[in-house]
Amino acid sequence: MQCYCGSAKPFDLCCHTFISGQVQVSYCEQLMRSRYSAYCHKAIDYIYQTYHPSMRQENPAAALAAFAHDSHFIKLDVHNAEQSVKEGFVEFTVKYMQHNLLYQFRERSRFVLEDRWYYLNGILMEQTPRKIQRNDQCPCNSGKKFKQCQQHLVSGS
């Protein structure tokens, strides 16, 4: 299976190595991509542990788990990544579905390097969700009508 992050590498040789703790991320874009893959894979502990410690109380693991469970992630597009020695920024767009609604948001995320890279915060530019009709093309790019596609069922719809 290809990695969720869009690298075209197998998941086991890409983000899974970070999520499983086999390898530490080396730069902020790797962390952002691996966090996206962790949401897709429902790896809540990794998502929680890669939040900066100062942000964990605002982002409890139970809330992260509920969001990941209710969401079917469709696509990640990275637009820009810049990094200095101790800080980095990644701008990206994510498409996901929740309960037959298609969401798309663009974010400029801020990462900090302390003992390792952490996600600190981001500026979110969310768009209005769009209801997917039964006869619409499924946004998962399966080529099927939404009513015939099974991939979206992961989101509980």
N, C-alpha and C. Protein backbone atom coordinates (compact mmCIF):
# COMPACT_ATOMS: atom_id res chain seq x y z
N MET A 1 0.84 -1.17 0.00
CA MET A 1 0.00 0.00 0.00
C MET A 1 0.89 1.25 0.00
N GLN A 2 0.55 2.21 -0.86
CA GLN A 2 1.31 3.46 -0.90
C GLN A 2 1.04 4.28 0.36
N CYS A 3 2.01 5.09 0.71
CA CYS A 3 1.87 5.93 1.89
C CYS A 3 0.80 6.98 1.67
N TYR A 4 0.08 7.27 2.73
CA TYR A 4 -0.99 8.27 2.69
C TYR A 4 -0.45 9.67 2.39
N CYS A 5 0.81 9.93 2.70
CA CYS A 5 1.37 11.28 2.62
C CYS A 5 1.59 11.76 1.20
N GLY A 6 1.46 10.87 0.22
CA GLY A 6 1.63 11.27 -1.17
C GLY A 6 3.04 11.09 -1.70
N SER A 7 3.91 10.44 -0.97
CA SER A 7 5.31 10.28 -1.39
C SER A 7 5.49 9.25 -2.50
N ALA A 8 4.50 8.40 -2.74
CA ALA A 8 4.55 7.29 -3.70
C ALA A 8 5.41 6.14 -3.20
N LYS A 9 5.91 6.22 -1.97
CA LYS A 9 6.65 5.12 -1.35
C LYS A 9 5.66 4.21 -0.62
N PRO A 10 6.04 2.96 -0.39
CA PRO A 10 5.18 2.10 0.43
C PRO A 10 5.06 2.67 1.86
N PHE A 11 3.88 2.57 2.44
CA PHE A 11 3.63 3.08 3.79
C PHE A 11 4.64 2.51 4.78
N ASP A 12 4.93 1.21 4.70
CA ASP A 12 5.85 0.57 5.64
C ASP A 12 7.27 1.13 5.56
N LEU A 13 7.64 1.70 4.42
CA LEU A 13 8.98 2.25 4.24
C LEU A 13 8.99 3.77 4.34
N CYS A 14 7.85 4.36 4.60
CA CYS A 14 7.74 5.83 4.63
C CYS A 14 7.26 6.24 6.03
N CYS A 15 6.07 6.76 6.13
CA CYS A 15 5.58 7.32 7.39
C CYS A 15 5.43 6.30 8.51
N HIS A 16 5.20 5.05 8.18
CA HIS A 16 5.08 4.03 9.22
C HIS A 16 6.35 3.95 10.07
N THR A 17 7.50 4.21 9.47
CA THR A 17 8.75 4.15 10.24
C THR A 17 8.79 5.24 11.32
N PHE A 18 8.16 6.38 11.05
CA PHE A 18 8.09 7.46 12.04
C PHE A 18 7.01 7.16 13.07
N ILE A 19 5.83 6.75 12.59
CA ILE A 19 4.69 6.49 13.47
C ILE A 19 5.01 5.37 14.46
N SER A 20 5.73 4.36 14.01
CA SER A 20 6.07 3.22 14.87
C SER A 20 7.25 3.52 15.80
N GLY A 21 7.93 4.64 15.59
CA GLY A 21 9.07 5.00 16.42
C GLY A 21 10.39 4.40 15.99
N GLN A 22 10.41 3.73 14.84
CA GLN A 22 11.66 3.13 14.33
C GLN A 22 12.68 4.20 13.97
N VAL A 23 12.17 5.34 13.46
CA VAL A 23 13.02 6.43 12.98
C VAL A 23 12.42 7.75 13.46
N GLN A 24 13.27 8.71 13.84
CA GLN A 24 12.81 10.06 14.17
C GLN A 24 12.76 10.91 12.90
N VAL A 25 11.79 11.81 12.83
CA VAL A 25 11.75 12.71 11.67
C VAL A 25 12.96 13.63 11.71
N SER A 26 13.44 14.01 10.53
CA SER A 26 14.63 14.86 10.43
C SER A 26 14.29 16.31 10.14
N TYR A 27 13.10 16.55 9.61
CA TYR A 27 12.70 17.92 9.29
C TYR A 27 11.19 18.06 9.41
N CYS A 28 10.73 19.31 9.47
CA CYS A 28 9.34 19.58 9.79
C CYS A 28 8.35 19.05 8.75
N GLU A 29 8.71 19.04 7.47
CA GLU A 29 7.78 18.51 6.48
C GLU A 29 7.55 17.02 6.69
N GLN A 30 8.57 16.30 7.10
CA GLN A 30 8.39 14.87 7.42
C GLN A 30 7.40 14.70 8.56
N LEU A 31 7.50 15.57 9.56
CA LEU A 31 6.57 15.47 10.69
C LEU A 31 5.15 15.76 10.24
N MET A 32 4.97 16.80 9.43
CA MET A 32 3.62 17.12 8.96
C MET A 32 3.05 15.97 8.15
N ARG A 33 3.82 15.42 7.23
CA ARG A 33 3.34 14.31 6.40
C ARG A 33 3.05 13.07 7.26
N SER A 34 3.90 12.80 8.22
CA SER A 34 3.68 11.62 9.06
C SER A 34 2.48 11.81 9.98
N ARG A 35 2.22 13.04 10.42
CA ARG A 35 1.01 13.30 11.22
C ARG A 35 -0.24 13.09 10.38
N TYR A 36 -0.21 13.53 9.12
CA TYR A 36 -1.35 13.28 8.23
C TYR A 36 -1.56 11.77 8.08
N SER A 37 -0.49 11.04 7.83
CA SER A 37 -0.60 9.58 7.71
C SER A 37 -1.11 8.95 9.00
N ALA A 38 -0.69 9.50 10.13
CA ALA A 38 -1.17 8.99 11.42
C ALA A 38 -2.67 9.20 11.57
N TYR A 39 -3.17 10.34 11.12
CA TYR A 39 -4.63 10.54 11.14
C TYR A 39 -5.31 9.50 10.25
N CYS A 40 -4.77 9.26 9.07
CA CYS A 40 -5.35 8.26 8.16
C CYS A 40 -5.34 6.87 8.79
N HIS A 41 -4.27 6.57 9.49
CA HIS A 41 -4.06 5.24 10.07
C HIS A 41 -4.64 5.14 11.49
N LYS A 42 -5.19 6.24 11.99
CA LYS A 42 -5.79 6.31 13.34
C LYS A 42 -4.75 6.04 14.43
N ALA A 43 -3.53 6.52 14.22
CA ALA A 43 -2.44 6.35 15.18
C ALA A 43 -2.44 7.54 16.14
N ILE A 44 -3.37 7.54 17.06
CA ILE A 44 -3.64 8.69 17.92
C ILE A 44 -2.47 9.00 18.84
N ASP A 45 -1.81 8.00 19.37
CA ASP A 45 -0.68 8.25 20.27
C ASP A 45 0.40 9.07 19.57
N TYR A 46 0.69 8.74 18.32
CA TYR A 46 1.71 9.48 17.57
C TYR A 46 1.27 10.93 17.37
N ILE A 47 0.03 11.13 17.00
CA ILE A 47 -0.48 12.50 16.79
C ILE A 47 -0.34 13.29 18.09
N TYR A 48 -0.77 12.70 19.19
CA TYR A 48 -0.72 13.37 20.48
C TYR A 48 0.72 13.66 20.90
N GLN A 49 1.60 12.69 20.77
CA GLN A 49 2.99 12.85 21.21
C GLN A 49 3.78 13.84 20.35
N THR A 50 3.33 14.08 19.11
CA THR A 50 4.05 15.03 18.25
C THR A 50 3.50 16.45 18.37
N TYR A 51 2.44 16.63 19.16
CA TYR A 51 2.06 17.99 19.55
C TYR A 51 3.12 18.50 20.51
N HIS A 52 3.43 19.78 20.45
CA HIS A 52 4.33 20.37 21.43
C HIS A 52 3.70 20.17 22.81
N PRO A 53 4.49 19.82 23.83
CA PRO A 53 3.91 19.59 25.16
C PRO A 53 3.01 20.72 25.66
N SER A 54 3.31 21.95 25.29
CA SER A 54 2.48 23.08 25.73
C SER A 54 1.10 23.10 25.08
N MET A 55 0.90 22.31 24.03
CA MET A 55 -0.38 22.29 23.31
C MET A 55 -1.21 21.03 23.60
N ARG A 56 -0.69 20.12 24.35
CA ARG A 56 -1.38 18.83 24.54
C ARG A 56 -2.67 18.96 25.36
N GLN A 57 -2.69 19.84 26.33
CA GLN A 57 -3.90 20.00 27.14
C GLN A 57 -5.06 20.51 26.28
N GLU A 58 -4.76 21.37 25.31
CA GLU A 58 -5.79 21.90 24.41
C GLU A 58 -6.23 20.87 23.38
N ASN A 59 -5.46 19.81 23.20
CA ASN A 59 -5.72 18.79 22.18
C ASN A 59 -5.68 17.40 22.81
N PRO A 60 -6.67 17.08 23.65
CA PRO A 60 -6.64 15.78 24.33
C PRO A 60 -6.75 14.61 23.35
N ALA A 61 -6.12 13.52 23.72
CA ALA A 61 -6.10 12.33 22.85
C ALA A 61 -7.50 11.86 22.50
N ALA A 62 -8.45 11.97 23.43
CA ALA A 62 -9.82 11.52 23.14
C ALA A 62 -10.45 12.33 22.02
N ALA A 63 -10.20 13.64 21.99
CA ALA A 63 -10.74 14.48 20.92
C ALA A 63 -10.07 14.17 19.59
N LEU A 64 -8.77 13.92 19.62
CA LEU A 64 -8.05 13.54 18.40
C LEU A 64 -8.58 12.22 17.86
N ALA A 65 -8.83 11.27 18.75
CA ALA A 65 -9.35 9.96 18.35
C ALA A 65 -10.74 10.09 17.74
N ALA A 66 -11.59 10.90 18.35
CA ALA A 66 -12.95 11.09 17.82
C ALA A 66 -12.90 11.69 16.42
N PHE A 67 -12.05 12.70 16.23
CA PHE A 67 -11.93 13.33 14.91
C PHE A 67 -11.41 12.33 13.88
N ALA A 68 -10.37 11.60 14.22
CA ALA A 68 -9.79 10.63 13.28
C ALA A 68 -10.78 9.52 12.94
N HIS A 69 -11.50 9.06 13.95
CA HIS A 69 -12.46 7.97 13.73
C HIS A 69 -13.61 8.41 12.81
N ASP A 70 -14.05 9.65 12.96
CA ASP A 70 -15.18 10.16 12.17
C ASP A 70 -14.79 10.65 10.79
N SER A 71 -13.51 10.65 10.47
CA SER A 71 -13.02 11.25 9.23
C SER A 71 -12.44 10.20 8.28
N HIS A 72 -12.67 10.42 7.01
CA HIS A 72 -12.02 9.63 5.96
C HIS A 72 -11.15 10.61 5.17
N PHE A 73 -9.84 10.49 5.33
CA PHE A 73 -8.91 11.42 4.71
C PHE A 73 -8.68 11.02 3.27
N ILE A 74 -8.75 12.00 2.38
CA ILE A 74 -8.72 11.75 0.95
C ILE A 74 -7.40 12.15 0.32
N LYS A 75 -6.91 13.34 0.66
CA LYS A 75 -5.73 13.82 -0.06
C LYS A 75 -4.99 14.88 0.75
N LEU A 76 -3.67 14.85 0.60
CA LEU A 76 -2.78 15.87 1.17
C LEU A 76 -2.00 16.49 0.02
N ASP A 77 -1.99 17.80 -0.04
CA ASP A 77 -1.16 18.55 -0.99
C ASP A 77 -0.28 19.50 -0.20
N VAL A 78 1.03 19.36 -0.33
CA VAL A 78 1.97 20.27 0.31
C VAL A 78 2.32 21.37 -0.68
N HIS A 79 2.12 22.62 -0.27
CA HIS A 79 2.38 23.76 -1.15
C HIS A 79 3.74 24.38 -0.92
N ASN A 80 4.18 24.40 0.34
CA ASN A 80 5.44 25.07 0.65
C ASN A 80 5.95 24.56 1.99
N ALA A 81 7.25 24.44 2.11
CA ALA A 81 7.89 24.08 3.38
C ALA A 81 9.16 24.90 3.51
N GLU A 82 9.34 25.51 4.66
CA GLU A 82 10.55 26.28 4.94
C GLU A 82 10.98 25.98 6.37
N GLN A 83 12.29 25.96 6.57
CA GLN A 83 12.79 25.54 7.87
C GLN A 83 14.09 26.25 8.18
N SER A 84 14.21 26.70 9.43
CA SER A 84 15.49 27.20 9.94
C SER A 84 16.01 26.15 10.92
N VAL A 85 16.98 26.53 11.73
CA VAL A 85 17.58 25.55 12.64
C VAL A 85 16.58 25.06 13.69
N LYS A 86 15.75 25.94 14.24
CA LYS A 86 14.87 25.58 15.36
C LYS A 86 13.38 25.72 15.06
N GLU A 87 13.01 26.17 13.87
CA GLU A 87 11.61 26.43 13.57
C GLU A 87 11.34 26.15 12.10
N GLY A 88 10.13 25.71 11.81
CA GLY A 88 9.76 25.45 10.43
C GLY A 88 8.29 25.70 10.20
N PHE A 89 7.94 25.90 8.93
CA PHE A 89 6.56 26.15 8.53
C PHE A 89 6.26 25.28 7.31
N VAL A 90 5.06 24.70 7.30
CA VAL A 90 4.61 23.92 6.16
C VAL A 90 3.20 24.38 5.82
N GLU A 91 2.99 24.73 4.55
CA GLU A 91 1.66 25.11 4.10
C GLU A 91 1.11 23.97 3.25
N PHE A 92 -0.11 23.56 3.55
CA PHE A 92 -0.69 22.39 2.89
C PHE A 92 -2.21 22.49 2.83
N THR A 93 -2.79 21.64 1.99
CA THR A 93 -4.24 21.49 1.90
C THR A 93 -4.59 20.03 2.16
N VAL A 94 -5.64 19.81 2.92
CA VAL A 94 -6.14 18.47 3.22
C VAL A 94 -7.61 18.40 2.81
N LYS A 95 -7.96 17.29 2.17
CA LYS A 95 -9.37 16.98 1.88
C LYS A 95 -9.74 15.76 2.71
N TYR A 96 -10.91 15.84 3.35
CA TYR A 96 -11.42 14.70 4.10
C TYR A 96 -12.94 14.74 4.14
N MET A 97 -13.53 13.61 4.45
CA MET A 97 -14.98 13.51 4.55
C MET A 97 -15.38 13.13 5.96
N GLN A 98 -16.51 13.70 6.37
CA GLN A 98 -17.17 13.31 7.61
C GLN A 98 -18.66 13.27 7.34
N HIS A 99 -19.27 12.13 7.54
CA HIS A 99 -20.72 11.98 7.43
C HIS A 99 -21.29 12.61 6.16
N ASN A 100 -20.75 12.20 5.03
CA ASN A 100 -21.19 12.64 3.69
C ASN A 100 -20.94 14.11 3.40
N LEU A 101 -20.12 14.76 4.19
CA LEU A 101 -19.72 16.14 3.91
C LEU A 101 -18.24 16.14 3.54
N LEU A 102 -17.91 16.85 2.47
CA LEU A 102 -16.53 16.98 2.02
C LEU A 102 -15.96 18.27 2.58
N TYR A 103 -14.86 18.14 3.31
CA TYR A 103 -14.17 19.30 3.88
C TYR A 103 -12.84 19.46 3.16
N GLN A 104 -12.43 20.70 3.05
CA GLN A 104 -11.10 21.00 2.53
C GLN A 104 -10.59 22.19 3.32
N PHE A 105 -9.39 22.08 3.83
CA PHE A 105 -8.81 23.23 4.51
C PHE A 105 -7.36 23.39 4.11
N ARG A 106 -6.94 24.62 4.21
CA ARG A 106 -5.54 24.97 3.96
C ARG A 106 -4.98 25.50 5.27
N GLU A 107 -3.77 25.08 5.58
CA GLU A 107 -3.16 25.49 6.84
C GLU A 107 -1.70 25.82 6.63
N ARG A 108 -1.23 26.79 7.39
CA ARG A 108 0.20 27.07 7.49
C ARG A 108 0.58 26.66 8.91
N SER A 109 1.25 25.53 9.02
CA SER A 109 1.60 24.96 10.32
C SER A 109 2.97 25.42 10.77
N ARG A 110 3.09 25.58 12.07
CA ARG A 110 4.37 25.98 12.68
C ARG A 110 4.91 24.81 13.50
N PHE A 111 6.17 24.50 13.29
CA PHE A 111 6.85 23.41 13.98
C PHE A 111 8.08 23.96 14.69
N VAL A 112 8.42 23.37 15.82
CA VAL A 112 9.61 23.78 16.56
C VAL A 112 10.48 22.56 16.85
N LEU A 113 11.78 22.79 16.83
CA LEU A 113 12.74 21.74 17.15
C LEU A 113 13.27 22.00 18.54
N GLU A 114 13.00 21.07 19.44
CA GLU A 114 13.58 21.13 20.78
C GLU A 114 14.44 19.88 20.92
N ASP A 115 13.98 18.88 21.62
CA ASP A 115 14.72 17.61 21.60
C ASP A 115 14.41 16.84 20.32
N ARG A 116 13.29 17.18 19.70
CA ARG A 116 12.85 16.63 18.41
C ARG A 116 11.85 17.62 17.82
N TRP A 117 11.36 17.33 16.62
CA TRP A 117 10.38 18.22 15.99
C TRP A 117 8.99 18.00 16.60
N TYR A 118 8.31 19.13 16.86
CA TYR A 118 6.94 19.12 17.37
C TYR A 118 6.07 20.05 16.53
N TYR A 119 4.80 19.68 16.41
CA TYR A 119 3.80 20.59 15.83
C TYR A 119 3.38 21.54 16.94
N LEU A 120 3.47 22.85 16.69
CA LEU A 120 3.11 23.84 17.70
C LEU A 120 1.71 24.39 17.46
N ASN A 121 1.50 24.96 16.28
CA ASN A 121 0.19 25.53 15.96
C ASN A 121 0.14 25.83 14.47
N GLY A 122 -0.98 26.38 14.05
CA GLY A 122 -1.12 26.70 12.64
C GLY A 122 -2.20 27.73 12.41
N ILE A 123 -2.13 28.35 11.25
CA ILE A 123 -3.17 29.27 10.81
C ILE A 123 -4.03 28.49 9.84
N LEU A 124 -5.30 28.32 10.21
CA LEU A 124 -6.22 27.49 9.45
C LEU A 124 -7.13 28.35 8.59
N MET A 125 -7.26 27.98 7.32
CA MET A 125 -8.15 28.66 6.40
C MET A 125 -9.15 27.63 5.88
N GLU A 126 -10.13 27.27 6.73
CA GLU A 126 -11.09 26.21 6.38
C GLU A 126 -12.17 26.76 5.46
N GLN A 127 -12.61 25.93 4.56
CA GLN A 127 -13.68 26.28 3.65
C GLN A 127 -14.97 25.62 4.11
N THR A 128 -16.08 26.11 3.60
CA THR A 128 -17.38 25.56 3.93
C THR A 128 -17.49 24.12 3.42
N PRO A 129 -17.99 23.21 4.26
CA PRO A 129 -18.15 21.83 3.79
C PRO A 129 -19.21 21.73 2.70
N ARG A 130 -19.04 20.73 1.85
CA ARG A 130 -19.98 20.51 0.75
C ARG A 130 -20.62 19.14 0.92
N LYS A 131 -21.95 19.11 0.86
CA LYS A 131 -22.69 17.84 0.95
C LYS A 131 -22.47 17.05 -0.33
N ILE A 132 -22.12 15.80 -0.19
CA ILE A 132 -21.93 14.91 -1.34
C ILE A 132 -23.26 14.24 -1.63
N GLN A 133 -23.75 14.39 -2.85
CA GLN A 133 -25.00 13.76 -3.26
C GLN A 133 -24.73 12.32 -3.71
N ARG A 134 -25.73 11.48 -3.63
CA ARG A 134 -25.58 10.06 -3.96
C ARG A 134 -25.05 9.83 -5.36
N ASN A 135 -25.42 10.66 -6.33
CA ASN A 135 -25.00 10.45 -7.72
C ASN A 135 -23.75 11.24 -8.10
N ASP A 136 -23.17 11.98 -7.15
CA ASP A 136 -21.92 12.70 -7.41
C ASP A 136 -20.77 11.69 -7.53
N GLN A 137 -19.73 12.09 -8.25
CA GLN A 137 -18.49 11.30 -8.25
C GLN A 137 -17.96 11.29 -6.82
N CYS A 138 -17.49 10.15 -6.37
CA CYS A 138 -16.93 10.08 -5.03
C CYS A 138 -15.61 10.87 -5.00
N PRO A 139 -15.42 11.72 -4.00
CA PRO A 139 -14.19 12.53 -3.94
C PRO A 139 -12.93 11.73 -3.64
N CYS A 140 -13.06 10.44 -3.37
CA CYS A 140 -11.88 9.62 -3.09
C CYS A 140 -11.13 9.24 -4.37
N ASN A 141 -11.64 9.68 -5.51
CA ASN A 141 -11.03 9.42 -6.82
C ASN A 141 -11.11 7.96 -7.25
N SER A 142 -12.11 7.24 -6.75
CA SER A 142 -12.30 5.85 -7.15
C SER A 142 -12.90 5.75 -8.55
N GLY A 143 -13.49 6.85 -9.04
CA GLY A 143 -14.16 6.84 -10.34
C GLY A 143 -15.60 6.36 -10.25
N LYS A 144 -16.05 6.03 -9.06
CA LYS A 144 -17.42 5.54 -8.86
C LYS A 144 -18.32 6.67 -8.37
N LYS A 145 -19.62 6.47 -8.53
CA LYS A 145 -20.57 7.38 -7.91
C LYS A 145 -20.49 7.18 -6.40
N PHE A 146 -20.78 8.24 -5.68
CA PHE A 146 -20.68 8.20 -4.22
C PHE A 146 -21.50 7.05 -3.64
N LYS A 147 -22.71 6.83 -4.16
CA LYS A 147 -23.58 5.78 -3.60
C LYS A 147 -23.02 4.38 -3.84
N GLN A 148 -22.13 4.22 -4.81
CA GLN A 148 -21.57 2.90 -5.13
C GLN A 148 -20.18 2.68 -4.53
N CYS A 149 -19.60 3.73 -4.02
CA CYS A 149 -18.24 3.64 -3.50
C CYS A 149 -18.26 3.20 -2.04
N GLN A 150 -17.38 2.31 -1.70
CA GLN A 150 -17.30 1.80 -0.32
C GLN A 150 -16.19 2.48 0.48
N GLN A 151 -15.27 3.17 -0.19
CA GLN A 151 -14.13 3.74 0.52
C GLN A 151 -14.55 4.79 1.54
N HIS A 152 -15.60 5.56 1.23
CA HIS A 152 -16.02 6.61 2.14
C HIS A 152 -16.67 6.06 3.40
N LEU A 153 -17.04 4.80 3.41
CA LEU A 153 -17.70 4.23 4.57
C LEU A 153 -16.80 4.20 5.80
N VAL A 154 -15.49 4.36 5.59
CA VAL A 154 -14.55 4.40 6.70
C VAL A 154 -14.91 5.54 7.65
N SER A 155 -15.50 6.62 7.13
CA SER A 155 -15.82 7.79 7.96
C SER A 155 -17.15 7.63 8.69
N GLY A 156 -17.75 6.48 8.63
CA GLY A 156 -19.00 6.26 9.33
C GLY A 156 -20.20 6.79 8.59
N SER A 157 -20.05 7.14 7.30
CA SER A 157 -21.17 7.69 6.55
C SER A 157 -21.97 6.58 5.93
